[in-house]
Amino acid sequence: NEAELMAQSFKPSVIVVDVIGCGAGVASILRKKARMWNWKCLIIEFNGAERQKSGVPEYFYNRRAEATWLAGEMFGDSKIELTFKDEDLERELNAYKYKFNGDQLIIQPKAEMKLPKNLGKSPDHADAYIMGLWALSYATPETVTIHRFRRKKKKGSYMTA
């Protein structure tokens, strides 16, 4: 699979996998492969629905809100910038809306983002990007490198289940 090939090729110190849905199986396979290859890699299982019992700070409704806010701060503080043109990613990153419920920040649910009046689809590209930024805090500085990926020229999403 593509995740396995990329992991074997780049040997990152951290891989983050969205475990809601089929991602739990992907994380399990990558963990086994890392042991087989004798390669030290932290496989992080990202569950956007996790709450405070899982270590989410109390001012965020869930892990998704925490990670999305962190990404917004990184952009706002000019710690990161998009260095390539990806219109889907830009549109999705700009589509996130939030509100407060008391002291807790809540990110607009995906079901609402999928409505035609909003983004009109799931923010898959942005979710992957945001999870990657969130996981950077677990990477060791000497292993953080820039990889230039060439996007395949095809219609549709490059995210697959």
N, C-alpha and C. Protein backbone atom coordinates (compact mmCIF):
# COMPACT_ATOMS: atom_id res chain seq x y z
N ASN A 1 0.83 -1.18 0.00
CA ASN A 1 0.00 0.00 0.00
C ASN A 1 0.88 1.25 0.00
N GLU A 2 0.29 2.36 -0.36
CA GLU A 2 1.04 3.61 -0.53
C GLU A 2 1.69 4.10 0.76
N ALA A 3 0.96 4.00 1.89
CA ALA A 3 1.51 4.44 3.18
C ALA A 3 2.74 3.61 3.54
N GLU A 4 2.67 2.32 3.30
CA GLU A 4 3.80 1.44 3.60
C GLU A 4 5.01 1.78 2.73
N LEU A 5 4.80 2.01 1.44
CA LEU A 5 5.90 2.36 0.54
C LEU A 5 6.56 3.67 0.93
N MET A 6 5.75 4.67 1.27
CA MET A 6 6.30 5.96 1.70
C MET A 6 7.08 5.81 2.99
N ALA A 7 6.54 5.05 3.94
CA ALA A 7 7.22 4.84 5.22
C ALA A 7 8.56 4.15 5.02
N GLN A 8 8.59 3.15 4.18
CA GLN A 8 9.83 2.41 3.93
C GLN A 8 10.84 3.28 3.21
N SER A 9 10.39 4.14 2.33
CA SER A 9 11.27 5.00 1.56
C SER A 9 11.87 6.13 2.40
N PHE A 10 11.01 6.84 3.17
CA PHE A 10 11.45 8.03 3.91
C PHE A 10 11.91 7.73 5.33
N LYS A 11 11.46 6.64 5.91
CA LYS A 11 11.78 6.25 7.28
C LYS A 11 11.61 7.41 8.27
N PRO A 12 10.41 7.96 8.37
CA PRO A 12 10.18 9.07 9.30
C PRO A 12 10.25 8.60 10.75
N SER A 13 10.48 9.54 11.66
CA SER A 13 10.50 9.18 13.08
C SER A 13 9.09 9.11 13.64
N VAL A 14 8.13 9.71 12.94
CA VAL A 14 6.74 9.73 13.38
C VAL A 14 5.81 9.57 12.18
N ILE A 15 4.77 8.77 12.36
CA ILE A 15 3.70 8.67 11.38
C ILE A 15 2.40 8.83 12.15
N VAL A 16 1.53 9.69 11.66
CA VAL A 16 0.23 9.87 12.29
C VAL A 16 -0.84 9.29 11.38
N VAL A 17 -1.75 8.53 12.00
CA VAL A 17 -2.81 7.86 11.24
C VAL A 17 -4.15 8.20 11.89
N ASP A 18 -5.10 8.63 11.07
CA ASP A 18 -6.46 8.89 11.54
C ASP A 18 -7.10 7.53 11.79
N VAL A 19 -7.38 7.21 13.05
CA VAL A 19 -7.87 5.87 13.37
C VAL A 19 -9.39 5.75 13.40
N ILE A 20 -10.09 6.82 13.06
CA ILE A 20 -11.54 6.69 12.94
C ILE A 20 -11.81 6.06 11.58
N GLY A 21 -12.49 4.95 11.59
CA GLY A 21 -12.73 4.22 10.34
C GLY A 21 -11.68 3.14 10.15
N CYS A 22 -11.18 3.02 8.93
CA CYS A 22 -10.23 1.93 8.62
C CYS A 22 -8.80 2.24 9.04
N GLY A 23 -8.53 3.41 9.57
CA GLY A 23 -7.18 3.81 9.93
C GLY A 23 -6.54 2.98 11.03
N ALA A 24 -7.34 2.40 11.92
CA ALA A 24 -6.78 1.58 13.00
C ALA A 24 -6.01 0.39 12.42
N GLY A 25 -6.55 -0.20 11.37
CA GLY A 25 -5.87 -1.32 10.71
C GLY A 25 -4.57 -0.88 10.05
N VAL A 26 -4.58 0.32 9.46
CA VAL A 26 -3.37 0.87 8.82
C VAL A 26 -2.30 1.08 9.87
N ALA A 27 -2.66 1.65 11.02
CA ALA A 27 -1.70 1.89 12.10
C ALA A 27 -1.09 0.57 12.58
N SER A 28 -1.91 -0.44 12.72
CA SER A 28 -1.44 -1.75 13.17
C SER A 28 -0.45 -2.35 12.17
N ILE A 29 -0.77 -2.27 10.89
CA ILE A 29 0.12 -2.80 9.85
C ILE A 29 1.46 -2.05 9.85
N LEU A 30 1.40 -0.72 9.93
CA LEU A 30 2.64 0.07 9.93
C LEU A 30 3.51 -0.24 11.15
N ARG A 31 2.88 -0.46 12.30
CA ARG A 31 3.62 -0.79 13.52
C ARG A 31 4.36 -2.12 13.33
N LYS A 32 3.67 -3.10 12.76
CA LYS A 32 4.29 -4.41 12.51
C LYS A 32 5.43 -4.29 11.51
N LYS A 33 5.21 -3.52 10.44
CA LYS A 33 6.24 -3.35 9.41
C LYS A 33 7.48 -2.65 10.00
N ALA A 34 7.26 -1.65 10.84
CA ALA A 34 8.39 -0.94 11.45
C ALA A 34 9.24 -1.90 12.27
N ARG A 35 8.60 -2.81 13.00
CA ARG A 35 9.36 -3.82 13.76
C ARG A 35 10.10 -4.77 12.81
N MET A 36 9.43 -5.17 11.72
CA MET A 36 10.07 -6.06 10.74
C MET A 36 11.30 -5.42 10.13
N TRP A 37 11.22 -4.12 9.83
CA TRP A 37 12.32 -3.40 9.19
C TRP A 37 13.37 -2.95 10.20
N ASN A 38 13.12 -3.22 11.49
CA ASN A 38 14.03 -2.80 12.55
C ASN A 38 14.27 -1.28 12.49
N TRP A 39 13.19 -0.56 12.41
CA TRP A 39 13.25 0.88 12.26
C TRP A 39 12.42 1.52 13.33
N LYS A 40 13.02 2.45 14.04
CA LYS A 40 12.37 3.11 15.17
C LYS A 40 11.46 4.21 14.66
N CYS A 41 10.17 4.02 14.86
CA CYS A 41 9.19 5.00 14.40
C CYS A 41 8.00 5.00 15.35
N LEU A 42 7.59 6.19 15.75
CA LEU A 42 6.41 6.33 16.59
C LEU A 42 5.19 6.40 15.68
N ILE A 43 4.27 5.46 15.84
CA ILE A 43 3.03 5.47 15.07
C ILE A 43 1.96 6.08 16.00
N ILE A 44 1.48 7.25 15.65
CA ILE A 44 0.49 7.94 16.48
C ILE A 44 -0.90 7.69 15.91
N GLU A 45 -1.77 7.20 16.76
CA GLU A 45 -3.16 6.98 16.37
C GLU A 45 -3.94 8.25 16.73
N PHE A 46 -4.32 9.01 15.71
CA PHE A 46 -5.05 10.26 15.91
C PHE A 46 -6.54 9.98 15.88
N ASN A 47 -7.19 10.30 16.98
CA ASN A 47 -8.64 10.15 17.07
C ASN A 47 -9.21 11.53 17.36
N GLY A 48 -9.77 12.17 16.35
CA GLY A 48 -10.28 13.52 16.49
C GLY A 48 -11.37 13.68 17.52
N ALA A 49 -12.04 12.59 17.89
CA ALA A 49 -13.13 12.65 18.87
C ALA A 49 -12.64 12.54 20.31
N GLU A 50 -11.35 12.27 20.52
CA GLU A 50 -10.82 12.13 21.88
C GLU A 50 -11.10 13.39 22.70
N ARG A 51 -11.34 13.18 23.98
CA ARG A 51 -11.66 14.28 24.88
C ARG A 51 -10.61 14.40 25.98
N GLN A 52 -10.94 15.05 27.06
CA GLN A 52 -10.00 15.36 28.13
C GLN A 52 -9.39 14.12 28.79
N LYS A 53 -10.13 13.04 28.89
CA LYS A 53 -9.59 11.82 29.50
C LYS A 53 -8.37 11.30 28.73
N SER A 54 -8.26 11.69 27.48
CA SER A 54 -7.13 11.26 26.64
C SER A 54 -6.04 12.33 26.57
N GLY A 55 -6.13 13.35 27.40
CA GLY A 55 -5.08 14.36 27.46
C GLY A 55 -5.35 15.63 26.67
N VAL A 56 -6.54 15.78 26.13
CA VAL A 56 -6.89 17.00 25.39
C VAL A 56 -7.06 18.14 26.40
N PRO A 57 -6.40 19.28 26.18
CA PRO A 57 -6.57 20.40 27.12
C PRO A 57 -8.04 20.78 27.26
N GLU A 58 -8.44 21.19 28.46
CA GLU A 58 -9.86 21.40 28.76
C GLU A 58 -10.52 22.50 27.94
N TYR A 59 -9.76 23.41 27.35
CA TYR A 59 -10.37 24.49 26.57
C TYR A 59 -10.66 24.09 25.13
N PHE A 60 -10.38 22.84 24.76
CA PHE A 60 -10.75 22.32 23.44
C PHE A 60 -11.82 21.26 23.64
N TYR A 61 -12.80 21.26 22.77
CA TYR A 61 -13.87 20.27 22.86
C TYR A 61 -13.34 18.86 22.63
N ASN A 62 -12.42 18.72 21.66
CA ASN A 62 -11.86 17.41 21.35
C ASN A 62 -10.49 17.57 20.68
N ARG A 63 -9.87 16.44 20.32
CA ARG A 63 -8.53 16.45 19.71
C ARG A 63 -8.55 17.20 18.37
N ARG A 64 -9.62 17.06 17.61
CA ARG A 64 -9.73 17.75 16.31
C ARG A 64 -9.67 19.26 16.51
N ALA A 65 -10.35 19.77 17.52
CA ALA A 65 -10.32 21.21 17.80
C ALA A 65 -8.91 21.64 18.21
N GLU A 66 -8.25 20.84 19.03
CA GLU A 66 -6.89 21.15 19.46
C GLU A 66 -5.93 21.23 18.27
N ALA A 67 -5.98 20.22 17.42
CA ALA A 67 -5.06 20.16 16.28
C ALA A 67 -5.34 21.27 15.27
N THR A 68 -6.62 21.56 15.03
CA THR A 68 -6.99 22.61 14.08
C THR A 68 -6.56 23.98 14.60
N TRP A 69 -6.75 24.22 15.87
CA TRP A 69 -6.33 25.50 16.47
C TRP A 69 -4.81 25.65 16.40
N LEU A 70 -4.09 24.57 16.70
CA LEU A 70 -2.62 24.60 16.62
C LEU A 70 -2.17 24.97 15.21
N ALA A 71 -2.79 24.36 14.20
CA ALA A 71 -2.43 24.68 12.81
C ALA A 71 -2.70 26.15 12.51
N GLY A 72 -3.85 26.65 12.96
CA GLY A 72 -4.17 28.07 12.76
C GLY A 72 -3.15 28.99 13.41
N GLU A 73 -2.72 28.64 14.61
CA GLU A 73 -1.69 29.43 15.29
C GLU A 73 -0.36 29.39 14.54
N MET A 74 -0.01 28.21 14.01
CA MET A 74 1.25 28.09 13.27
C MET A 74 1.23 28.96 12.02
N PHE A 75 0.11 28.99 11.32
CA PHE A 75 -0.01 29.87 10.15
C PHE A 75 0.00 31.33 10.59
N GLY A 76 -0.79 31.64 11.63
CA GLY A 76 -0.90 33.01 12.11
C GLY A 76 0.41 33.59 12.62
N ASP A 77 1.23 32.75 13.23
CA ASP A 77 2.53 33.18 13.76
C ASP A 77 3.64 33.09 12.71
N SER A 78 3.28 32.78 11.48
CA SER A 78 4.22 32.62 10.36
C SER A 78 5.29 31.56 10.63
N LYS A 79 4.93 30.55 11.41
CA LYS A 79 5.85 29.42 11.65
C LYS A 79 5.83 28.46 10.47
N ILE A 80 4.73 28.49 9.73
CA ILE A 80 4.60 27.64 8.54
C ILE A 80 3.93 28.43 7.43
N GLU A 81 4.07 27.94 6.21
CA GLU A 81 3.36 28.49 5.06
C GLU A 81 3.28 27.40 4.00
N LEU A 82 2.28 27.51 3.16
CA LEU A 82 2.17 26.55 2.06
C LEU A 82 3.21 26.92 1.02
N THR A 83 4.09 26.01 0.71
CA THR A 83 5.17 26.29 -0.24
C THR A 83 4.88 25.71 -1.62
N PHE A 84 3.70 25.19 -1.81
CA PHE A 84 3.31 24.63 -3.10
C PHE A 84 1.86 25.00 -3.35
N LYS A 85 1.46 24.94 -4.59
CA LYS A 85 0.10 25.31 -4.96
C LYS A 85 -0.80 24.09 -4.90
N ASP A 86 -1.74 24.11 -3.98
CA ASP A 86 -2.73 23.05 -3.87
C ASP A 86 -4.05 23.75 -3.53
N GLU A 87 -4.83 24.03 -4.56
CA GLU A 87 -6.06 24.79 -4.38
C GLU A 87 -7.06 24.08 -3.48
N ASP A 88 -7.14 22.75 -3.59
CA ASP A 88 -8.05 22.00 -2.72
C ASP A 88 -7.66 22.19 -1.25
N LEU A 89 -6.38 22.05 -0.96
CA LEU A 89 -5.91 22.21 0.42
C LEU A 89 -6.18 23.63 0.92
N GLU A 90 -5.87 24.62 0.12
CA GLU A 90 -6.10 26.01 0.54
C GLU A 90 -7.59 26.25 0.81
N ARG A 91 -8.45 25.79 -0.08
CA ARG A 91 -9.89 25.99 0.09
C ARG A 91 -10.37 25.29 1.36
N GLU A 92 -9.90 24.07 1.58
CA GLU A 92 -10.32 23.31 2.76
C GLU A 92 -9.82 23.95 4.05
N LEU A 93 -8.57 24.38 4.08
CA LEU A 93 -8.03 25.01 5.28
C LEU A 93 -8.79 26.29 5.64
N ASN A 94 -9.25 27.00 4.63
CA ASN A 94 -9.99 28.24 4.86
C ASN A 94 -11.47 28.01 5.17
N ALA A 95 -11.93 26.78 5.08
CA ALA A 95 -13.34 26.48 5.29
C ALA A 95 -13.70 26.19 6.75
N TYR A 96 -12.70 25.94 7.58
CA TYR A 96 -12.98 25.60 8.98
C TYR A 96 -13.63 26.78 9.70
N LYS A 97 -14.70 26.48 10.42
CA LYS A 97 -15.36 27.47 11.25
C LYS A 97 -15.36 26.94 12.68
N TYR A 98 -15.38 27.86 13.62
CA TYR A 98 -15.39 27.43 15.01
C TYR A 98 -16.34 28.28 15.82
N LYS A 99 -16.66 27.78 16.99
CA LYS A 99 -17.48 28.51 17.95
C LYS A 99 -17.04 28.08 19.35
N PHE A 100 -17.54 28.78 20.33
CA PHE A 100 -17.24 28.42 21.71
C PHE A 100 -18.51 27.95 22.39
N ASN A 101 -18.37 26.91 23.17
CA ASN A 101 -19.44 26.42 24.03
C ASN A 101 -18.90 26.60 25.45
N GLY A 102 -19.28 27.71 26.06
CA GLY A 102 -18.66 28.07 27.34
C GLY A 102 -17.21 28.43 27.07
N ASP A 103 -16.30 27.73 27.72
CA ASP A 103 -14.87 27.98 27.54
C ASP A 103 -14.23 27.04 26.51
N GLN A 104 -15.01 26.15 25.92
CA GLN A 104 -14.44 25.16 25.00
C GLN A 104 -14.61 25.56 23.54
N LEU A 105 -13.49 25.45 22.81
CA LEU A 105 -13.50 25.71 21.37
C LEU A 105 -14.00 24.47 20.64
N ILE A 106 -14.97 24.67 19.76
CA ILE A 106 -15.53 23.57 18.96
C ILE A 106 -15.34 23.90 17.49
N ILE A 107 -14.78 22.96 16.73
CA ILE A 107 -14.64 23.10 15.28
C ILE A 107 -15.93 22.60 14.63
N GLN A 108 -16.35 23.28 13.58
CA GLN A 108 -17.56 22.89 12.86
C GLN A 108 -17.51 21.41 12.51
N PRO A 109 -18.55 20.64 12.83
CA PRO A 109 -18.55 19.21 12.50
C PRO A 109 -18.41 18.97 11.00
N LYS A 110 -17.81 17.84 10.65
CA LYS A 110 -17.62 17.52 9.23
C LYS A 110 -18.95 17.42 8.50
N ALA A 111 -19.99 16.93 9.17
CA ALA A 111 -21.30 16.82 8.53
C ALA A 111 -21.77 18.19 8.05
N GLU A 112 -21.50 19.23 8.82
CA GLU A 112 -21.86 20.59 8.41
C GLU A 112 -20.94 21.10 7.31
N MET A 113 -19.65 20.76 7.37
CA MET A 113 -18.71 21.20 6.34
C MET A 113 -19.08 20.62 4.99
N LYS A 114 -19.67 19.42 4.99
CA LYS A 114 -20.03 18.74 3.75
C LYS A 114 -21.26 19.34 3.06
N LEU A 115 -21.99 20.18 3.76
CA LEU A 115 -23.19 20.78 3.17
C LEU A 115 -22.80 21.71 2.02
N PRO A 116 -23.62 21.76 0.95
CA PRO A 116 -23.31 22.62 -0.20
C PRO A 116 -23.09 24.09 0.16
N LYS A 117 -23.76 24.60 1.17
CA LYS A 117 -23.60 26.01 1.55
C LYS A 117 -22.24 26.27 2.22
N ASN A 118 -21.58 25.22 2.66
CA ASN A 118 -20.26 25.37 3.26
C ASN A 118 -19.20 24.88 2.27
N LEU A 119 -18.39 23.93 2.64
CA LEU A 119 -17.35 23.42 1.74
C LEU A 119 -17.93 22.50 0.67
N GLY A 120 -18.98 21.77 1.03
CA GLY A 120 -19.63 20.89 0.07
C GLY A 120 -18.98 19.51 -0.04
N LYS A 121 -17.99 19.24 0.80
CA LYS A 121 -17.32 17.93 0.80
C LYS A 121 -16.54 17.80 2.09
N SER A 122 -16.02 16.62 2.32
CA SER A 122 -15.20 16.39 3.51
C SER A 122 -13.83 17.05 3.31
N PRO A 123 -13.28 17.68 4.35
CA PRO A 123 -11.98 18.35 4.23
C PRO A 123 -10.81 17.37 4.39
N ASP A 124 -10.76 16.34 3.56
CA ASP A 124 -9.76 15.28 3.70
C ASP A 124 -8.33 15.78 3.60
N HIS A 125 -8.05 16.65 2.62
CA HIS A 125 -6.68 17.17 2.46
C HIS A 125 -6.27 17.96 3.70
N ALA A 126 -7.15 18.85 4.14
CA ALA A 126 -6.84 19.69 5.30
C ALA A 126 -6.70 18.86 6.57
N ASP A 127 -7.56 17.86 6.74
CA ASP A 127 -7.45 17.00 7.92
C ASP A 127 -6.09 16.32 7.98
N ALA A 128 -5.65 15.78 6.86
CA ALA A 128 -4.34 15.11 6.81
C ALA A 128 -3.21 16.10 7.11
N TYR A 129 -3.29 17.28 6.54
CA TYR A 129 -2.27 18.32 6.75
C TYR A 129 -2.23 18.73 8.23
N ILE A 130 -3.39 18.95 8.80
CA ILE A 130 -3.49 19.38 10.20
C ILE A 130 -2.98 18.29 11.14
N MET A 131 -3.32 17.05 10.87
CA MET A 131 -2.81 15.95 11.70
C MET A 131 -1.29 15.87 11.62
N GLY A 132 -0.75 16.09 10.43
CA GLY A 132 0.70 16.08 10.27
C GLY A 132 1.37 17.19 11.06
N LEU A 133 0.79 18.38 11.04
CA LEU A 133 1.34 19.49 11.82
C LEU A 133 1.27 19.19 13.30
N TRP A 134 0.16 18.64 13.75
CA TRP A 134 -0.01 18.28 15.15
C TRP A 134 1.04 17.25 15.58
N ALA A 135 1.31 16.29 14.71
CA ALA A 135 2.25 15.21 15.04
C ALA A 135 3.71 15.68 15.04
N LEU A 136 4.00 16.82 14.42
CA LEU A 136 5.38 17.31 14.40
C LEU A 136 5.96 17.49 15.79
N SER A 137 5.11 17.78 16.77
CA SER A 137 5.62 17.97 18.13
C SER A 137 6.20 16.67 18.70
N TYR A 138 5.91 15.54 18.09
CA TYR A 138 6.44 14.26 18.53
C TYR A 138 7.68 13.83 17.76
N ALA A 139 8.01 14.55 16.70
CA ALA A 139 9.18 14.20 15.87
C ALA A 139 10.45 14.71 16.54
N THR A 140 11.52 14.00 16.34
CA THR A 140 12.80 14.46 16.86
C THR A 140 13.38 15.46 15.87
N PRO A 141 13.90 16.60 16.36
CA PRO A 141 14.35 17.67 15.46
C PRO A 141 15.35 17.22 14.40
N GLU A 142 16.25 16.32 14.74
CA GLU A 142 17.24 15.92 13.75
C GLU A 142 16.65 15.07 12.63
N THR A 143 15.40 14.61 12.80
CA THR A 143 14.80 13.80 11.75
C THR A 143 13.76 14.56 10.94
N VAL A 144 13.49 15.80 11.30
CA VAL A 144 12.52 16.58 10.53
C VAL A 144 13.20 17.08 9.27
N THR A 145 12.74 16.58 8.14
CA THR A 145 13.30 16.97 6.86
C THR A 145 12.18 17.36 5.92
N ILE A 146 12.52 18.04 4.88
CA ILE A 146 11.53 18.44 3.89
C ILE A 146 11.53 17.43 2.75
N HIS A 147 10.38 16.90 2.46
CA HIS A 147 10.23 15.98 1.33
C HIS A 147 9.33 16.66 0.31
N ARG A 148 9.78 16.71 -0.92
CA ARG A 148 8.98 17.30 -1.99
C ARG A 148 8.20 16.18 -2.67
N PHE A 149 6.90 16.26 -2.59
CA PHE A 149 6.06 15.26 -3.22
C PHE A 149 5.49 15.83 -4.49
N ARG A 150 5.48 15.05 -5.51
CA ARG A 150 4.83 15.45 -6.76
C ARG A 150 3.46 14.82 -6.79
N ARG A 151 2.49 15.66 -6.90
CA ARG A 151 1.12 15.17 -6.91
C ARG A 151 0.81 14.56 -8.27
N LYS A 152 0.20 13.39 -8.24
CA LYS A 152 -0.19 12.73 -9.49
C LYS A 152 -1.24 13.55 -10.18
N LYS A 153 -1.13 13.67 -11.47
CA LYS A 153 -2.09 14.45 -12.27
C LYS A 153 -3.29 13.56 -12.58
N LYS A 154 -4.29 13.65 -11.74
CA LYS A 154 -5.52 12.92 -12.00
C LYS A 154 -6.65 13.66 -11.32
N LYS A 155 -7.84 13.45 -11.80
CA LYS A 155 -8.99 14.11 -11.20
C LYS A 155 -9.39 13.37 -9.94
N GLY A 156 -10.02 14.10 -9.04
CA GLY A 156 -10.49 13.48 -7.81
C GLY A 156 -9.49 13.65 -6.69
N SER A 157 -9.76 13.02 -5.61
CA SER A 157 -8.95 13.14 -4.40
C SER A 157 -7.78 12.16 -4.45
N TYR A 158 -6.65 12.58 -3.90
CA TYR A 158 -5.53 11.66 -3.80
C TYR A 158 -5.56 10.93 -2.46
N MET A 159 -6.56 11.24 -1.66
CA MET A 159 -6.75 10.52 -0.39
C MET A 159 -7.61 9.30 -0.69
N THR A 160 -7.19 8.14 -0.27
CA THR A 160 -7.97 6.94 -0.49
C THR A 160 -8.16 6.21 0.82
N ALA A 161 -9.20 5.46 0.88
CA ALA A 161 -9.48 4.68 2.10
C ALA A 161 -8.84 3.33 2.01
